[in-house]
């Protein structure tokens, strides 16, 4: 009798942190922006936009075909949830996901938790962090940014009037992302 063994190897794409990939894309776009050839840069940015639209359309079809429970499970996945959010397809509202991030921070930081509030125009795209008039430590700011980015990547973080979450928080998305209105409907963010 011959014994057989099945060896399963994890797909290396499954281990890629989506935040690392997003940072890599941002870095590549920033490097491209430094190139002298503006026509090539514009063309490359258009390619990125087209790919984002292509993948967004595919995700939209998945959410229409799948049942509600499957869509909720996809949204809970650390890779797929942010992608659904970026395309305005996440089944949980932006505000609720930000509140979930705040709950995680409150549980993690306890008494050191700053005042956390969603502010800004009706599009829910900016989170303001205050510390009762006290300066907020960089570690606390980083924890808030990580928690919000993990659950609501379309939202920027502002600390006492300073945008710390990059160009998206400043209203200048590097990629064509989808904002979410207060009513929870998707609308395309414009790129400068």
N, C-alpha and C. Protein backbone atom coordinates (compact mmCIF):
# COMPACT_ATOMS: atom_id res chain seq x y z
N UNK A 1 0.84 -1.17 0.00
CA UNK A 1 0.00 0.00 0.00
C UNK A 1 0.88 1.24 0.00
N UNK A 2 0.56 2.17 -0.86
CA UNK A 2 1.34 3.40 -0.96
C UNK A 2 0.63 4.52 -0.23
N UNK A 3 1.36 5.20 0.59
CA UNK A 3 0.79 6.34 1.32
C UNK A 3 1.03 7.60 0.50
N UNK A 4 0.04 8.41 0.45
CA UNK A 4 0.20 9.69 -0.25
C UNK A 4 -0.05 10.81 0.74
N UNK A 5 0.63 11.86 0.51
CA UNK A 5 0.45 13.03 1.36
C UNK A 5 0.12 14.22 0.48
N UNK A 6 -0.79 14.99 0.95
CA UNK A 6 -1.14 16.21 0.24
C UNK A 6 -0.45 17.37 0.93
N UNK A 7 0.30 18.09 0.17
CA UNK A 7 0.98 19.26 0.72
C UNK A 7 0.26 20.49 0.21
N UNK A 8 -0.19 21.29 1.13
CA UNK A 8 -0.88 22.52 0.75
C UNK A 8 0.03 23.69 1.09
N UNK A 9 0.23 24.51 0.11
CA UNK A 9 1.01 25.71 0.38
C UNK A 9 0.10 26.91 0.24
N UNK A 10 0.33 27.86 1.09
CA UNK A 10 -0.48 29.07 1.04
C UNK A 10 -0.10 29.89 -0.19
N UNK A 11 -1.10 30.48 -0.77
CA UNK A 11 -0.87 31.37 -1.90
C UNK A 11 -0.19 32.62 -1.36
N UNK A 12 1.00 32.97 -1.86
CA UNK A 12 1.71 34.13 -1.32
C UNK A 12 0.91 35.42 -1.45
N UNK A 13 -0.01 35.47 -2.39
CA UNK A 13 -0.83 36.68 -2.54
C UNK A 13 -1.76 36.86 -1.36
N UNK A 14 -2.12 35.75 -0.66
CA UNK A 14 -3.00 35.85 0.50
C UNK A 14 -2.31 36.50 1.69
N UNK A 15 -0.98 36.48 1.73
CA UNK A 15 -0.27 37.02 2.88
C UNK A 15 0.11 38.48 2.71
N UNK A 16 -0.17 39.05 1.57
CA UNK A 16 0.16 40.44 1.34
C UNK A 16 -0.79 41.33 2.12
N UNK A 17 -0.22 42.19 2.95
CA UNK A 17 -1.03 43.14 3.71
C UNK A 17 -1.56 44.19 2.74
N UNK A 18 -2.88 44.38 2.68
CA UNK A 18 -3.42 45.36 1.73
C UNK A 18 -2.90 46.77 1.97
N UNK A 19 -2.56 47.09 3.22
CA UNK A 19 -2.00 48.43 3.49
C UNK A 19 -0.62 48.56 2.87
N UNK A 20 0.16 47.47 2.87
CA UNK A 20 1.47 47.50 2.23
C UNK A 20 1.33 47.70 0.72
N UNK A 21 0.35 47.02 0.15
CA UNK A 21 0.12 47.17 -1.29
C UNK A 21 -0.31 48.59 -1.62
N UNK A 22 -1.22 49.14 -0.82
CA UNK A 22 -1.68 50.52 -1.05
C UNK A 22 -0.51 51.50 -0.91
N UNK A 23 0.33 51.28 0.10
CA UNK A 23 1.50 52.16 0.28
C UNK A 23 2.46 52.02 -0.90
N UNK A 24 2.60 50.80 -1.40
CA UNK A 24 3.47 50.59 -2.57
C UNK A 24 2.93 51.33 -3.79
N UNK A 25 1.63 51.24 -4.02
CA UNK A 25 1.01 51.95 -5.15
C UNK A 25 1.20 53.45 -4.98
N UNK A 26 0.95 53.96 -3.77
CA UNK A 26 1.14 55.40 -3.51
C UNK A 26 2.58 55.81 -3.78
N UNK A 27 3.54 54.98 -3.34
CA UNK A 27 4.95 55.28 -3.56
C UNK A 27 5.31 55.29 -5.04
N UNK A 28 4.79 54.31 -5.77
CA UNK A 28 5.06 54.26 -7.21
C UNK A 28 4.45 55.46 -7.92
N UNK A 29 3.24 55.84 -7.53
CA UNK A 29 2.62 57.02 -8.14
C UNK A 29 3.40 58.29 -7.80
N UNK A 30 3.90 58.37 -6.57
CA UNK A 30 4.70 59.54 -6.19
C UNK A 30 5.99 59.59 -6.99
N UNK A 31 6.64 58.42 -7.16
CA UNK A 31 7.86 58.38 -7.98
C UNK A 31 7.56 58.76 -9.42
N UNK A 32 6.44 58.28 -9.93
CA UNK A 32 6.06 58.60 -11.29
C UNK A 32 5.81 60.10 -11.44
N UNK A 33 5.24 60.71 -10.42
CA UNK A 33 4.97 62.15 -10.46
C UNK A 33 6.25 62.96 -10.58
N UNK A 34 7.36 62.40 -10.09
CA UNK A 34 8.64 63.10 -10.15
C UNK A 34 9.29 62.99 -11.53
N UNK A 35 8.78 62.11 -12.36
CA UNK A 35 9.35 61.97 -13.70
C UNK A 35 9.06 63.23 -14.51
N UNK A 36 9.94 63.55 -15.39
CA UNK A 36 9.79 64.76 -16.18
C UNK A 36 8.74 64.67 -17.28
N UNK A 37 8.39 63.47 -17.71
CA UNK A 37 7.49 63.30 -18.84
C UNK A 37 6.04 63.28 -18.36
N UNK A 38 5.37 64.40 -18.46
CA UNK A 38 4.01 64.51 -17.95
C UNK A 38 3.02 63.66 -18.77
N UNK A 39 3.27 63.48 -20.05
CA UNK A 39 2.36 62.66 -20.86
C UNK A 39 2.38 61.21 -20.41
N UNK A 40 3.57 60.70 -20.12
CA UNK A 40 3.67 59.32 -19.63
C UNK A 40 3.00 59.19 -18.27
N UNK A 41 3.20 60.18 -17.42
CA UNK A 41 2.61 60.17 -16.09
C UNK A 41 1.07 60.17 -16.19
N UNK A 42 0.53 61.03 -17.04
CA UNK A 42 -0.92 61.10 -17.22
C UNK A 42 -1.46 59.78 -17.75
N UNK A 43 -0.76 59.19 -18.70
CA UNK A 43 -1.17 57.90 -19.25
C UNK A 43 -1.15 56.81 -18.18
N UNK A 44 -0.09 56.77 -17.39
CA UNK A 44 0.02 55.76 -16.33
C UNK A 44 -1.09 55.93 -15.29
N UNK A 45 -1.39 57.18 -14.93
CA UNK A 45 -2.48 57.42 -13.98
C UNK A 45 -3.82 56.99 -14.56
N UNK A 46 -4.00 57.19 -15.85
CA UNK A 46 -5.24 56.76 -16.50
C UNK A 46 -5.33 55.23 -16.50
N UNK A 47 -4.21 54.55 -16.68
CA UNK A 47 -4.19 53.09 -16.62
C UNK A 47 -4.61 52.63 -15.22
N UNK A 48 -4.08 53.27 -14.19
CA UNK A 48 -4.44 52.92 -12.81
C UNK A 48 -5.94 53.13 -12.61
N UNK A 49 -6.47 54.27 -13.07
CA UNK A 49 -7.91 54.54 -12.93
C UNK A 49 -8.73 53.47 -13.65
N UNK A 50 -8.31 53.10 -14.87
CA UNK A 50 -9.05 52.09 -15.63
C UNK A 50 -9.04 50.74 -14.91
N UNK A 51 -7.89 50.37 -14.36
CA UNK A 51 -7.81 49.11 -13.61
C UNK A 51 -8.69 49.15 -12.37
N UNK A 52 -8.69 50.29 -11.67
CA UNK A 52 -9.54 50.43 -10.49
C UNK A 52 -11.01 50.29 -10.88
N UNK A 53 -11.41 50.91 -11.98
CA UNK A 53 -12.79 50.80 -12.44
C UNK A 53 -13.12 49.36 -12.82
N UNK A 54 -12.18 48.70 -13.49
CA UNK A 54 -12.37 47.31 -13.90
C UNK A 54 -12.59 46.41 -12.68
N UNK A 55 -11.69 46.51 -11.70
CA UNK A 55 -11.82 45.68 -10.50
C UNK A 55 -13.04 46.07 -9.68
N UNK A 56 -13.36 47.35 -9.64
CA UNK A 56 -14.55 47.80 -8.92
C UNK A 56 -15.82 47.23 -9.54
N UNK A 57 -15.87 47.22 -10.88
CA UNK A 57 -17.04 46.64 -11.56
C UNK A 57 -17.15 45.15 -11.27
N UNK A 58 -16.01 44.47 -11.23
CA UNK A 58 -16.03 43.04 -10.89
C UNK A 58 -16.51 42.80 -9.48
N UNK A 59 -16.03 43.60 -8.54
CA UNK A 59 -16.49 43.47 -7.15
C UNK A 59 -17.99 43.78 -7.04
N UNK A 60 -18.45 44.77 -7.79
CA UNK A 60 -19.87 45.12 -7.76
C UNK A 60 -20.72 43.93 -8.23
N UNK A 61 -20.25 43.24 -9.26
CA UNK A 61 -20.98 42.06 -9.74
C UNK A 61 -21.00 40.98 -8.68
N UNK A 62 -19.87 40.78 -8.00
CA UNK A 62 -19.81 39.77 -6.93
C UNK A 62 -20.84 40.09 -5.86
N UNK A 63 -20.92 41.37 -5.46
CA UNK A 63 -21.85 41.73 -4.38
C UNK A 63 -23.31 41.60 -4.83
N UNK A 64 -23.57 41.73 -6.13
CA UNK A 64 -24.94 41.55 -6.63
C UNK A 64 -25.30 40.06 -6.72
N UNK A 65 -24.33 39.23 -7.07
CA UNK A 65 -24.59 37.80 -7.25
C UNK A 65 -24.65 37.06 -5.91
N UNK A 66 -23.79 37.44 -4.99
CA UNK A 66 -23.68 36.74 -3.70
C UNK A 66 -24.86 37.08 -2.79
N UNK A 67 -25.17 36.16 -1.90
CA UNK A 67 -26.23 36.44 -0.92
C UNK A 67 -25.68 37.39 0.16
N UNK A 68 -26.57 37.95 0.95
CA UNK A 68 -26.19 38.97 1.94
C UNK A 68 -25.17 38.45 2.94
N UNK A 69 -25.31 37.19 3.38
CA UNK A 69 -24.37 36.64 4.34
C UNK A 69 -22.97 36.54 3.74
N UNK A 70 -22.88 36.12 2.50
CA UNK A 70 -21.58 36.03 1.82
C UNK A 70 -20.95 37.41 1.68
N UNK A 71 -21.75 38.39 1.31
CA UNK A 71 -21.22 39.76 1.17
C UNK A 71 -20.70 40.25 2.52
N UNK A 72 -21.42 39.97 3.61
CA UNK A 72 -20.94 40.37 4.95
C UNK A 72 -19.62 39.68 5.28
N UNK A 73 -19.50 38.38 4.94
CA UNK A 73 -18.24 37.67 5.19
C UNK A 73 -17.11 38.23 4.34
N UNK A 74 -17.39 38.56 3.09
CA UNK A 74 -16.37 39.18 2.23
C UNK A 74 -15.94 40.52 2.82
N UNK A 75 -16.90 41.29 3.30
CA UNK A 75 -16.60 42.61 3.87
C UNK A 75 -15.78 42.49 5.15
N UNK A 76 -15.92 41.39 5.87
CA UNK A 76 -15.16 41.20 7.11
C UNK A 76 -13.72 40.74 6.84
N UNK A 77 -13.44 40.31 5.62
CA UNK A 77 -12.09 39.87 5.27
C UNK A 77 -11.14 41.07 5.24
N UNK A 78 -9.94 40.95 5.84
CA UNK A 78 -9.03 42.10 5.89
C UNK A 78 -8.51 42.54 4.52
N UNK A 79 -8.59 41.70 3.52
CA UNK A 79 -8.18 42.09 2.17
C UNK A 79 -9.36 42.65 1.37
N UNK A 80 -10.49 41.97 1.46
CA UNK A 80 -11.63 42.34 0.63
C UNK A 80 -12.43 43.50 1.20
N UNK A 81 -12.53 43.59 2.52
CA UNK A 81 -13.30 44.68 3.13
C UNK A 81 -12.85 46.06 2.68
N UNK A 82 -11.54 46.36 2.77
CA UNK A 82 -11.08 47.67 2.30
C UNK A 82 -11.33 47.89 0.81
N UNK A 83 -11.22 46.82 0.01
CA UNK A 83 -11.48 46.97 -1.42
C UNK A 83 -12.95 47.31 -1.67
N UNK A 84 -13.84 46.64 -0.94
CA UNK A 84 -15.26 46.95 -1.07
C UNK A 84 -15.52 48.40 -0.65
N UNK A 85 -14.88 48.82 0.42
CA UNK A 85 -15.07 50.20 0.90
C UNK A 85 -14.57 51.22 -0.12
N UNK A 86 -13.41 50.96 -0.70
CA UNK A 86 -12.86 51.90 -1.67
C UNK A 86 -13.75 52.07 -2.89
N UNK A 87 -14.55 51.05 -3.18
CA UNK A 87 -15.43 51.12 -4.34
C UNK A 87 -16.88 51.42 -3.96
N UNK A 88 -17.10 51.79 -2.69
CA UNK A 88 -18.45 52.13 -2.25
C UNK A 88 -19.39 50.95 -2.18
N UNK A 89 -18.85 49.75 -1.96
CA UNK A 89 -19.65 48.53 -1.98
C UNK A 89 -19.76 47.86 -0.62
N UNK A 90 -19.16 48.43 0.40
CA UNK A 90 -19.17 47.80 1.72
C UNK A 90 -20.58 47.82 2.29
N UNK A 91 -21.06 46.68 2.82
CA UNK A 91 -22.44 46.63 3.32
C UNK A 91 -22.66 47.40 4.63
N UNK A 92 -21.59 47.74 5.33
CA UNK A 92 -21.70 48.49 6.58
C UNK A 92 -21.37 49.95 6.27
N UNK A 93 -22.16 50.87 6.80
CA UNK A 93 -21.94 52.28 6.50
C UNK A 93 -20.57 52.74 6.98
N UNK A 94 -20.08 53.78 6.35
CA UNK A 94 -18.79 54.34 6.74
C UNK A 94 -18.81 54.73 8.21
N UNK A 95 -19.85 55.44 8.63
CA UNK A 95 -19.94 55.89 10.02
C UNK A 95 -19.89 54.71 10.98
N UNK A 96 -20.61 53.63 10.69
CA UNK A 96 -20.60 52.47 11.57
C UNK A 96 -19.22 51.81 11.62
N UNK A 97 -18.53 51.75 10.48
CA UNK A 97 -17.18 51.16 10.49
C UNK A 97 -16.21 52.03 11.26
N UNK A 98 -16.34 53.35 11.15
CA UNK A 98 -15.48 54.25 11.92
C UNK A 98 -15.77 54.07 13.41
N UNK A 99 -17.04 53.95 13.77
CA UNK A 99 -17.38 53.73 15.18
C UNK A 99 -16.80 52.40 15.68
N UNK A 100 -16.79 51.37 14.82
CA UNK A 100 -16.16 50.10 15.20
C UNK A 100 -14.66 50.30 15.46
N UNK A 101 -14.02 51.10 14.60
CA UNK A 101 -12.60 51.39 14.80
C UNK A 101 -12.40 52.14 16.12
N UNK A 102 -13.28 53.10 16.41
CA UNK A 102 -13.19 53.85 17.66
C UNK A 102 -13.36 52.92 18.86
N UNK A 103 -14.30 51.97 18.76
CA UNK A 103 -14.50 51.02 19.85
C UNK A 103 -13.24 50.19 20.09
N UNK A 104 -12.57 49.79 19.00
CA UNK A 104 -11.31 49.05 19.15
C UNK A 104 -10.26 49.89 19.86
N UNK A 105 -10.17 51.16 19.49
CA UNK A 105 -9.19 52.06 20.11
C UNK A 105 -9.52 52.25 21.58
N UNK A 106 -10.79 52.46 21.90
CA UNK A 106 -11.19 52.65 23.30
C UNK A 106 -10.83 51.42 24.13
N UNK A 107 -11.07 50.22 23.58
CA UNK A 107 -10.72 48.99 24.29
C UNK A 107 -9.22 48.85 24.46
N UNK A 108 -8.47 49.27 23.45
CA UNK A 108 -7.01 49.15 23.47
C UNK A 108 -6.37 50.17 24.41
N UNK A 109 -6.85 51.42 24.38
CA UNK A 109 -6.18 52.50 25.10
C UNK A 109 -6.79 52.82 26.46
N UNK A 110 -8.01 52.40 26.70
CA UNK A 110 -8.64 52.67 27.99
C UNK A 110 -8.69 54.15 28.32
N UNK A 111 -8.12 54.53 29.48
CA UNK A 111 -8.15 55.92 29.95
C UNK A 111 -7.36 56.87 29.05
N UNK A 112 -6.45 56.35 28.26
CA UNK A 112 -5.64 57.22 27.40
C UNK A 112 -6.34 57.55 26.08
N UNK A 113 -7.57 57.09 25.91
CA UNK A 113 -8.28 57.30 24.65
C UNK A 113 -8.63 58.78 24.49
N UNK A 114 -8.26 59.37 23.35
CA UNK A 114 -8.67 60.75 23.08
C UNK A 114 -10.15 60.80 22.71
N UNK A 115 -10.69 62.01 22.62
CA UNK A 115 -12.05 62.19 22.15
C UNK A 115 -12.05 61.89 20.65
N UNK A 116 -12.93 61.03 20.22
CA UNK A 116 -12.98 60.62 18.81
C UNK A 116 -14.34 61.03 18.25
N UNK A 117 -14.34 61.70 17.11
CA UNK A 117 -15.59 62.16 16.51
C UNK A 117 -15.49 62.19 14.99
N UNK A 118 -16.57 61.84 14.33
CA UNK A 118 -16.65 61.98 12.88
C UNK A 118 -17.14 63.39 12.61
N UNK A 119 -16.40 64.14 11.82
CA UNK A 119 -16.77 65.52 11.53
C UNK A 119 -16.66 65.79 10.04
N UNK A 120 -16.90 67.00 9.67
CA UNK A 120 -16.73 67.40 8.28
C UNK A 120 -18.06 67.51 7.57
N UNK A 121 -18.00 67.71 6.26
CA UNK A 121 -19.24 67.82 5.50
C UNK A 121 -20.01 66.51 5.52
N UNK A 122 -21.10 66.47 4.84
CA UNK A 122 -22.00 65.32 4.89
C UNK A 122 -21.42 64.04 4.31
N UNK A 123 -20.17 64.07 3.86
CA UNK A 123 -19.64 62.86 3.21
C UNK A 123 -18.90 61.92 4.16
N UNK A 124 -18.79 62.25 5.44
CA UNK A 124 -18.20 61.35 6.45
C UNK A 124 -16.77 60.92 6.12
N UNK A 125 -16.00 61.74 5.41
CA UNK A 125 -14.67 61.29 4.99
C UNK A 125 -13.56 61.76 5.89
N UNK A 126 -13.85 62.48 6.96
CA UNK A 126 -12.80 62.96 7.85
C UNK A 126 -13.16 62.59 9.28
N UNK A 127 -12.19 62.05 10.00
CA UNK A 127 -12.34 61.73 11.40
C UNK A 127 -11.47 62.71 12.18
N UNK A 128 -12.04 63.38 13.16
CA UNK A 128 -11.27 64.31 13.98
C UNK A 128 -10.95 63.64 15.30
N UNK A 129 -9.69 63.74 15.72
CA UNK A 129 -9.24 63.19 16.99
C UNK A 129 -8.84 64.36 17.88
N UNK A 130 -9.45 64.46 19.05
CA UNK A 130 -9.11 65.51 20.00
C UNK A 130 -8.69 64.83 21.30
N UNK A 131 -7.94 65.54 22.09
CA UNK A 131 -7.48 64.96 23.36
C UNK A 131 -7.79 65.90 24.51
N UNK A 132 -9.02 66.36 24.59
CA UNK A 132 -9.45 67.26 25.66
C UNK A 132 -8.47 68.40 25.87
N UNK A 133 -8.01 68.99 24.79
CA UNK A 133 -7.09 70.11 24.88
C UNK A 133 -5.64 69.71 25.08
N UNK A 134 -5.37 68.44 25.30
CA UNK A 134 -4.01 67.97 25.51
C UNK A 134 -3.45 67.44 24.19
N UNK A 135 -2.15 67.57 23.98
CA UNK A 135 -1.56 67.02 22.76
C UNK A 135 -1.77 65.50 22.72
N UNK A 136 -2.04 65.00 21.54
CA UNK A 136 -2.22 63.57 21.35
C UNK A 136 -0.88 62.97 20.93
N UNK A 137 -0.47 61.89 21.59
CA UNK A 137 0.83 61.31 21.30
C UNK A 137 0.85 60.70 19.90
N UNK A 138 2.04 60.66 19.29
CA UNK A 138 2.16 60.03 17.96
C UNK A 138 1.71 58.57 17.97
N UNK A 139 1.94 57.86 19.08
CA UNK A 139 1.54 56.45 19.15
C UNK A 139 0.02 56.32 19.13
N UNK A 140 -0.67 57.22 19.83
CA UNK A 140 -2.14 57.19 19.84
C UNK A 140 -2.67 57.55 18.46
N UNK A 141 -2.08 58.57 17.85
CA UNK A 141 -2.49 58.98 16.50
C UNK A 141 -2.30 57.82 15.53
N UNK A 142 -1.15 57.15 15.62
CA UNK A 142 -0.87 56.02 14.72
C UNK A 142 -1.88 54.89 14.95
N UNK A 143 -2.23 54.64 16.21
CA UNK A 143 -3.20 53.58 16.51
C UNK A 143 -4.57 53.91 15.92
N UNK A 144 -4.98 55.17 16.04
CA UNK A 144 -6.26 55.60 15.46
C UNK A 144 -6.21 55.48 13.94
N UNK A 145 -5.12 55.94 13.34
CA UNK A 145 -4.99 55.86 11.87
C UNK A 145 -5.06 54.41 11.40
N UNK A 146 -4.36 53.51 12.10
CA UNK A 146 -4.36 52.09 11.70
C UNK A 146 -5.76 51.50 11.81
N UNK A 147 -6.43 51.78 12.92
CA UNK A 147 -7.77 51.21 13.14
C UNK A 147 -8.76 51.73 12.10
N UNK A 148 -8.71 53.03 11.84
CA UNK A 148 -9.63 53.61 10.84
C UNK A 148 -9.29 53.09 9.45
N UNK A 149 -8.00 53.04 9.11
CA UNK A 149 -7.59 52.57 7.78
C UNK A 149 -8.00 51.12 7.55
N UNK A 150 -7.97 50.30 8.60
CA UNK A 150 -8.32 48.89 8.46
C UNK A 150 -9.81 48.70 8.20
N UNK A 151 -10.64 49.53 8.82
CA UNK A 151 -12.08 49.34 8.70
C UNK A 151 -12.77 50.32 7.75
N UNK A 152 -12.15 51.48 7.55
CA UNK A 152 -12.76 52.50 6.68
C UNK A 152 -11.66 53.23 5.91
N UNK A 153 -11.03 52.55 4.94
CA UNK A 153 -9.88 53.14 4.25
C UNK A 153 -10.20 54.39 3.44
N UNK A 154 -11.47 54.62 3.18
CA UNK A 154 -11.85 55.80 2.42
C UNK A 154 -11.91 57.06 3.28
N UNK A 155 -11.65 56.92 4.59
CA UNK A 155 -11.75 58.03 5.53
C UNK A 155 -10.35 58.50 5.92
N UNK A 156 -10.16 59.80 5.98
CA UNK A 156 -8.90 60.37 6.44
C UNK A 156 -8.98 60.70 7.92
N UNK A 157 -7.84 60.88 8.55
CA UNK A 157 -7.77 61.21 9.97
C UNK A 157 -7.19 62.60 10.12
N UNK A 158 -7.85 63.44 10.89
CA UNK A 158 -7.37 64.78 11.20
C UNK A 158 -7.14 64.86 12.70
N UNK A 159 -6.01 65.40 13.11
CA UNK A 159 -5.74 65.58 14.53
C UNK A 159 -5.60 67.07 14.79
N UNK A 160 -6.53 67.60 15.57
CA UNK A 160 -6.51 69.02 15.94
C UNK A 160 -6.19 69.91 14.74
N UNK A 161 -6.90 69.67 13.64
CA UNK A 161 -6.76 70.52 12.47
C UNK A 161 -5.66 70.13 11.51
N UNK A 162 -4.85 69.13 11.82
CA UNK A 162 -3.78 68.71 10.91
C UNK A 162 -4.16 67.40 10.26
N UNK A 163 -4.03 67.34 8.95
CA UNK A 163 -4.30 66.09 8.24
C UNK A 163 -3.08 65.20 8.36
N UNK A 164 -3.30 64.01 8.91
CA UNK A 164 -2.18 63.09 9.10
C UNK A 164 -2.30 61.83 8.27
N UNK A 165 -3.40 61.66 7.59
CA UNK A 165 -3.58 60.41 6.85
C UNK A 165 -3.25 60.57 5.38
N UNK A 166 -2.45 61.55 5.04
CA UNK A 166 -1.98 61.68 3.67
C UNK A 166 -2.92 62.47 2.79
N UNK A 167 -2.71 62.30 1.51
CA UNK A 167 -3.43 63.09 0.53
C UNK A 167 -4.93 62.83 0.52
N UNK A 168 -5.36 61.63 0.86
CA UNK A 168 -6.79 61.36 0.85
C UNK A 168 -7.50 62.22 1.87
N UNK A 169 -6.92 62.34 3.08
CA UNK A 169 -7.55 63.16 4.11
C UNK A 169 -7.57 64.62 3.70
N UNK A 170 -6.61 65.04 2.91
CA UNK A 170 -6.55 66.43 2.46
C UNK A 170 -7.44 66.66 1.25
N UNK A 171 -8.18 65.63 0.85
CA UNK A 171 -9.08 65.78 -0.28
C UNK A 171 -8.41 65.56 -1.63
N UNK A 172 -7.21 64.99 -1.64
CA UNK A 172 -6.48 64.76 -2.89
C UNK A 172 -6.16 63.27 -3.01
N UNK A 173 -7.15 62.46 -3.41
CA UNK A 173 -6.87 61.04 -3.53
C UNK A 173 -5.88 60.75 -4.65
N UNK A 174 -4.96 59.84 -4.40
CA UNK A 174 -4.01 59.45 -5.42
C UNK A 174 -4.64 58.48 -6.40
N UNK A 175 -5.61 57.72 -5.93
CA UNK A 175 -6.32 56.77 -6.77
C UNK A 175 -7.77 57.21 -6.82
N UNK A 176 -8.48 56.86 -7.87
CA UNK A 176 -9.89 57.22 -7.91
C UNK A 176 -10.66 56.37 -6.91
N UNK A 177 -10.99 56.94 -5.79
CA UNK A 177 -11.69 56.20 -4.75
C UNK A 177 -13.14 56.64 -4.74
N UNK A 178 -13.93 55.93 -3.99
CA UNK A 178 -15.34 56.25 -3.88
C UNK A 178 -15.58 56.76 -2.48
N UNK A 179 -16.20 57.92 -2.36
CA UNK A 179 -16.58 58.45 -1.06
C UNK A 179 -17.96 57.92 -0.72
N UNK A 180 -18.35 58.05 0.52
CA UNK A 180 -19.66 57.58 0.94
C UNK A 180 -20.38 58.75 1.57
N UNK A 181 -21.58 59.02 1.10
CA UNK A 181 -22.33 60.14 1.64
C UNK A 181 -22.94 59.75 2.97
N UNK A 182 -23.46 60.72 3.68
CA UNK A 182 -24.07 60.47 4.98
C UNK A 182 -25.22 59.47 4.87
N UNK A 183 -25.87 59.46 3.73
CA UNK A 183 -26.97 58.53 3.52
C UNK A 183 -26.49 57.13 3.17
N UNK A 184 -25.18 56.97 2.97
CA UNK A 184 -24.62 55.66 2.66
C UNK A 184 -24.58 55.34 1.18
N UNK A 185 -24.87 56.32 0.33
CA UNK A 185 -24.80 56.06 -1.11
C UNK A 185 -23.42 56.40 -1.61
N UNK A 186 -22.99 55.71 -2.64
CA UNK A 186 -21.64 55.90 -3.17
C UNK A 186 -21.61 57.06 -4.14
N UNK A 187 -20.50 57.78 -4.13
CA UNK A 187 -20.27 58.81 -5.14
C UNK A 187 -18.79 58.86 -5.44
N UNK A 188 -18.43 59.07 -6.69
CA UNK A 188 -17.03 59.07 -7.10
C UNK A 188 -16.32 60.30 -6.58
N UNK A 189 -15.14 60.11 -6.02
CA UNK A 189 -14.31 61.24 -5.61
C UNK A 189 -13.53 61.69 -6.84
N UNK A 190 -13.36 62.97 -6.99
CA UNK A 190 -12.62 63.45 -8.16
C UNK A 190 -11.14 63.51 -7.85
N UNK A 191 -10.36 63.26 -8.85
CA UNK A 191 -8.92 63.38 -8.70
C UNK A 191 -8.51 64.71 -9.28
N UNK A 192 -7.52 65.39 -8.65
CA UNK A 192 -7.13 66.70 -9.13
C UNK A 192 -6.47 66.64 -10.49
